[in-house]
Amino acid sequence: MPPPVPPEAEGAAPAGLRPVSTPTARPPGRGGRRRDPAADRSILESTLGLLGEGCSFSALSMDLVAQRAGVARATVYRRWRNKEELVLAALSSLDVPVTPSDGLPLRDRLVDLVDQIRHRGQDTNLHRLLAGLLGEAVHRPQLVQRYEDSAVAARRDAMRQVLRDGLDSGELRPGLDVDQAIELLTGPMLARLILRQRPVESVAFAQAIVDTFLDGTRTHPTPR
């Protein structure tokens, strides 16, 4: 029988426990029962369902998720230590792997990465969930930071590599601030999809973002 869930675990990890670096479910202990993947999916889907229906992070509780998923409260806590980790895991489950673009010209690689944000953002429910996450930034900045460190890091790393390749090849001007460049390339698409909640119908918007960026950063601008 699992140990009783401490009452202070509802909103945060109990004192003395170190925070988990990634929002993934914890593996079973040595000799423990194998986790049921169906229960994992049900818990994550229930979390997303509650948030998507307007339940705020503050109002969300492990009890609510357990009731929605049809599992015991202890079943949720065996997988995630607190609701912050659960929410991060649920949001991260919606992410898709970054598609490699090696071998393409610099412009095409950047357009591909920016347009992947559009494809990922076609899910309007995800738009609402991420907008809600941003709304928590004032009160829980660590929640947004942990989401970026887990779900967004791979996408930023891929774009960082493309920009560094452009610097190494001499296509981009020396001294370019790569981190600022990532913000310039991703910001317009994210603002359109998440802040303004407006769909992007085609790759043309990604092309316009990249072309505007390259006009100011290429060593020898290429006429279009």
Protein backbone atom coordinates (compact mmCIF):
# COMPACT_ATOMS: atom_id res chain seq x y z
CA MET A 1 0.00 0.00 0.00
CA PRO A 2 1.46 3.46 -0.93
CA PRO A 3 2.31 5.84 1.92
CA PRO A 4 -0.36 8.41 2.82
CA VAL A 5 -0.24 11.65 0.86
CA PRO A 6 0.84 14.53 3.12
CA PRO A 7 -1.69 17.34 3.28
CA GLU A 8 0.88 19.98 2.36
CA ALA A 9 1.48 18.28 -1.01
CA GLU A 10 -1.59 19.83 -2.61
CA GLY A 11 0.00 23.02 -3.91
CA ALA A 12 3.74 22.37 -3.62
CA ALA A 13 6.31 19.74 -2.85
CA PRO A 14 6.64 18.95 0.88
CA ALA A 15 9.56 20.54 2.71
CA GLY A 16 12.83 18.73 2.24
CA LEU A 17 12.06 17.36 -1.22
CA ARG A 18 14.12 18.68 -4.08
CA PRO A 19 12.19 20.00 -7.12
CA VAL A 20 12.14 17.74 -10.15
CA SER A 21 14.07 19.11 -13.12
CA THR A 22 11.61 17.88 -15.76
CA PRO A 23 7.80 17.61 -15.62
CA THR A 24 7.68 13.92 -16.41
CA ALA A 25 5.98 11.23 -14.40
CA ARG A 26 8.20 9.56 -11.80
CA PRO A 27 9.20 5.95 -12.50
CA PRO A 28 8.07 3.22 -10.13
CA GLY A 29 10.35 2.39 -7.25
CA ARG A 30 12.45 -0.74 -7.23
CA GLY A 31 10.16 -3.70 -6.87
CA GLY A 32 7.05 -1.53 -7.25
CA ARG A 33 4.12 -2.18 -9.54
CA ARG A 34 4.43 -1.20 -13.18
CA ARG A 35 2.60 2.06 -13.92
CA ASP A 36 -0.49 1.84 -16.06
CA PRO A 37 0.01 3.97 -19.22
CA ALA A 38 -3.77 4.29 -19.56
CA ALA A 39 -3.93 5.95 -16.13
CA ASP A 40 -1.13 8.31 -17.12
CA ARG A 41 -3.00 9.36 -20.26
CA SER A 42 -6.27 9.76 -18.39
CA ILE A 43 -4.68 11.97 -15.74
CA LEU A 44 -2.94 14.20 -18.30
CA GLU A 45 -6.05 14.45 -20.48
CA SER A 46 -8.17 15.29 -17.45
CA THR A 47 -5.75 18.03 -16.46
CA LEU A 48 -5.86 19.51 -19.96
CA GLY A 49 -9.63 19.17 -20.05
CA LEU A 50 -10.12 21.07 -16.80
CA LEU A 51 -7.73 23.85 -17.82
CA GLY A 52 -9.27 24.05 -21.29
CA GLU A 53 -12.72 24.48 -19.76
CA GLY A 54 -11.56 27.53 -17.84
CA CYS A 55 -10.35 26.08 -14.56
CA SER A 56 -7.53 28.35 -13.36
CA PHE A 57 -4.26 27.05 -12.01
CA SER A 58 -5.24 28.27 -8.55
CA ALA A 59 -8.57 26.42 -8.67
CA LEU A 60 -7.08 23.24 -10.11
CA SER A 61 -6.34 20.54 -7.55
CA MET A 62 -5.06 17.01 -7.56
CA ASP A 63 -8.46 15.93 -6.18
CA LEU A 64 -10.28 17.50 -9.14
CA VAL A 65 -7.97 15.80 -11.60
CA ALA A 66 -8.31 12.44 -9.84
CA GLN A 67 -12.11 12.69 -9.89
CA ARG A 68 -12.15 13.62 -13.56
CA ALA A 69 -9.74 10.81 -14.46
CA GLY A 70 -11.56 8.25 -12.36
CA VAL A 71 -8.50 7.33 -10.31
CA ALA A 72 -7.51 7.57 -6.68
CA ARG A 73 -5.81 10.71 -5.42
CA ALA A 74 -2.79 8.63 -4.44
CA THR A 75 -2.51 7.42 -8.06
CA VAL A 76 -1.92 10.99 -9.19
CA TYR A 77 0.62 11.67 -6.44
CA ARG A 78 2.56 8.53 -7.26
CA ARG A 79 3.27 10.06 -10.65
CA TRP A 80 3.54 13.79 -9.96
CA ARG A 81 4.58 15.37 -6.71
CA ASN A 82 2.38 18.46 -7.00
CA LYS A 83 0.02 20.19 -9.40
CA GLU A 84 2.77 22.38 -10.88
CA GLU A 85 4.58 19.29 -12.12
CA LEU A 86 1.30 17.80 -13.30
CA VAL A 87 0.36 20.91 -15.30
CA LEU A 88 3.82 21.08 -16.86
CA ALA A 89 3.64 17.41 -17.83
CA ALA A 90 0.17 17.90 -19.33
CA LEU A 91 1.25 20.91 -21.40
CA SER A 92 4.46 19.20 -22.49
CA SER A 93 2.45 16.19 -23.69
CA LEU A 94 0.99 18.43 -26.42
CA ASP A 95 4.39 19.33 -27.82
CA VAL A 96 5.71 17.73 -30.98
CA PRO A 97 9.35 16.88 -31.80
CA VAL A 98 11.39 19.40 -33.76
CA THR A 99 11.72 18.32 -37.39
CA PRO A 100 15.36 18.44 -38.52
CA SER A 101 16.19 20.74 -41.45
CA ASP A 102 19.86 19.92 -42.03
CA GLY A 103 21.15 20.36 -45.55
CA LEU A 104 18.79 23.19 -46.49
CA PRO A 105 19.88 26.80 -47.16
CA LEU A 106 19.89 29.16 -44.16
CA ARG A 107 16.65 30.91 -45.12
CA ASP A 108 14.81 27.64 -45.69
CA ARG A 109 15.98 26.24 -42.36
CA LEU A 110 14.78 29.32 -40.49
CA VAL A 111 11.44 29.39 -42.33
CA ASP A 112 10.95 25.72 -41.52
CA LEU A 113 11.57 26.23 -37.79
CA VAL A 114 9.33 29.29 -37.56
CA ASP A 115 6.60 27.54 -39.54
CA GLN A 116 6.80 24.55 -37.19
CA ILE A 117 5.51 26.92 -34.50
CA ARG A 118 2.51 27.59 -36.74
CA HIS A 119 1.82 23.90 -37.24
CA ARG A 120 2.17 23.25 -33.53
CA GLY A 121 -0.16 26.14 -32.88
CA GLN A 122 -3.02 24.96 -35.07
CA ASP A 123 -4.52 23.44 -31.92
CA THR A 124 -6.69 26.29 -30.64
CA ASN A 125 -7.08 24.52 -27.29
CA LEU A 126 -3.30 24.70 -26.92
CA HIS A 127 -3.50 28.43 -27.64
CA ARG A 128 -5.90 28.90 -24.74
CA LEU A 129 -3.85 26.74 -22.41
CA LEU A 130 -0.63 28.60 -23.16
CA ALA A 131 -2.39 31.93 -22.82
CA GLY A 132 -3.56 30.78 -19.39
CA LEU A 133 -0.01 29.75 -18.52
CA LEU A 134 1.24 33.21 -19.46
CA GLY A 135 -1.46 34.67 -17.25
CA GLU A 136 0.13 32.84 -14.31
CA ALA A 137 3.53 34.44 -14.98
CA VAL A 138 2.87 37.35 -12.62
CA HIS A 139 2.18 35.11 -9.65
CA ARG A 140 4.22 32.03 -10.61
CA PRO A 141 7.11 33.04 -12.87
CA GLN A 142 8.87 29.76 -12.07
CA LEU A 143 5.99 27.86 -13.72
CA VAL A 144 6.52 29.63 -17.04
CA GLN A 145 10.29 29.29 -16.73
CA ARG A 146 10.04 25.56 -16.12
CA TYR A 147 7.75 25.17 -19.13
CA GLU A 148 10.29 26.98 -21.30
CA ASP A 149 13.13 24.87 -19.90
CA SER A 150 11.29 21.63 -20.66
CA ALA A 151 8.93 21.95 -23.63
CA VAL A 152 10.44 24.94 -25.45
CA ALA A 153 14.17 24.26 -24.96
CA ALA A 154 14.56 21.80 -27.85
CA ARG A 155 12.96 24.22 -30.32
CA ARG A 156 15.15 27.10 -29.18
CA ASP A 157 18.26 24.92 -29.31
CA ALA A 158 17.47 23.92 -32.89
CA MET A 159 17.09 27.55 -33.94
CA ARG A 160 20.25 28.51 -32.03
CA GLN A 161 22.21 25.89 -33.99
CA VAL A 162 20.91 27.18 -37.34
CA LEU A 163 21.91 30.74 -36.45
CA ARG A 164 25.36 29.64 -35.32
CA ASP A 165 25.77 27.76 -38.59
CA GLY A 166 24.90 31.00 -40.38
CA LEU A 167 27.54 32.85 -38.39
CA ASP A 168 30.14 30.16 -39.07
CA SER A 169 29.43 30.23 -42.80
CA GLY A 170 29.67 34.03 -42.92
CA GLU A 171 26.08 34.47 -44.07
CA LEU A 172 25.12 36.35 -40.91
CA ARG A 173 27.02 39.40 -39.76
CA PRO A 174 29.61 38.87 -37.01
CA GLY A 175 28.55 39.82 -33.50
CA LEU A 176 24.91 38.87 -33.97
CA ASP A 177 23.26 38.23 -30.59
CA VAL A 178 21.85 34.75 -31.13
CA ASP A 179 19.45 34.81 -28.17
CA GLN A 180 17.98 38.14 -29.29
CA ALA A 181 17.70 36.78 -32.81
CA ILE A 182 15.64 33.83 -31.54
CA GLU A 183 13.24 36.25 -29.86
CA LEU A 184 12.91 38.27 -33.05
CA LEU A 185 12.18 35.17 -35.11
CA THR A 186 9.71 33.48 -32.76
CA GLY A 187 7.99 36.48 -31.18
CA PRO A 188 5.69 37.53 -34.05
CA MET A 189 4.35 34.01 -34.62
CA LEU A 190 3.76 33.40 -30.92
CA ALA A 191 2.07 36.79 -30.51
CA ARG A 192 -0.27 36.09 -33.43
CA LEU A 193 -1.22 32.60 -32.25
CA ILE A 194 -1.28 32.95 -28.47
CA LEU A 195 -1.75 36.59 -27.52
CA ARG A 196 -4.06 37.59 -30.36
CA GLN A 197 -5.60 34.11 -30.80
CA ARG A 198 -5.58 34.53 -34.58
CA PRO A 199 -4.90 31.63 -36.96
CA VAL A 200 -2.05 31.72 -39.47
CA GLU A 201 -3.26 30.23 -42.71
CA SER A 202 -0.03 29.49 -44.58
CA VAL A 203 3.75 29.50 -44.56
CA ALA A 204 3.75 33.04 -45.97
CA PHE A 205 3.80 34.62 -42.50
CA ALA A 206 6.86 32.59 -41.50
CA GLN A 207 8.57 33.59 -44.73
CA ALA A 208 7.85 37.27 -44.09
CA ILE A 209 9.26 37.03 -40.55
CA VAL A 210 12.47 35.35 -41.72
CA ASP A 211 12.96 37.65 -44.72
CA THR A 212 12.55 40.75 -42.56
CA PHE A 213 15.06 39.31 -40.07
CA LEU A 214 17.60 38.42 -42.77
CA ASP A 215 17.30 41.85 -44.39
CA GLY A 216 18.92 43.30 -41.28
CA THR A 217 21.34 40.52 -40.37
CA ARG A 218 22.79 39.06 -43.56
CA THR A 219 26.30 40.15 -44.53
CA HIS A 220 25.15 40.44 -48.15
CA PRO A 221 21.36 40.80 -48.42
CA THR A 222 19.92 38.67 -51.20
CA PRO A 223 17.24 40.24 -53.44
CA ARG A 224 13.93 38.38 -53.32
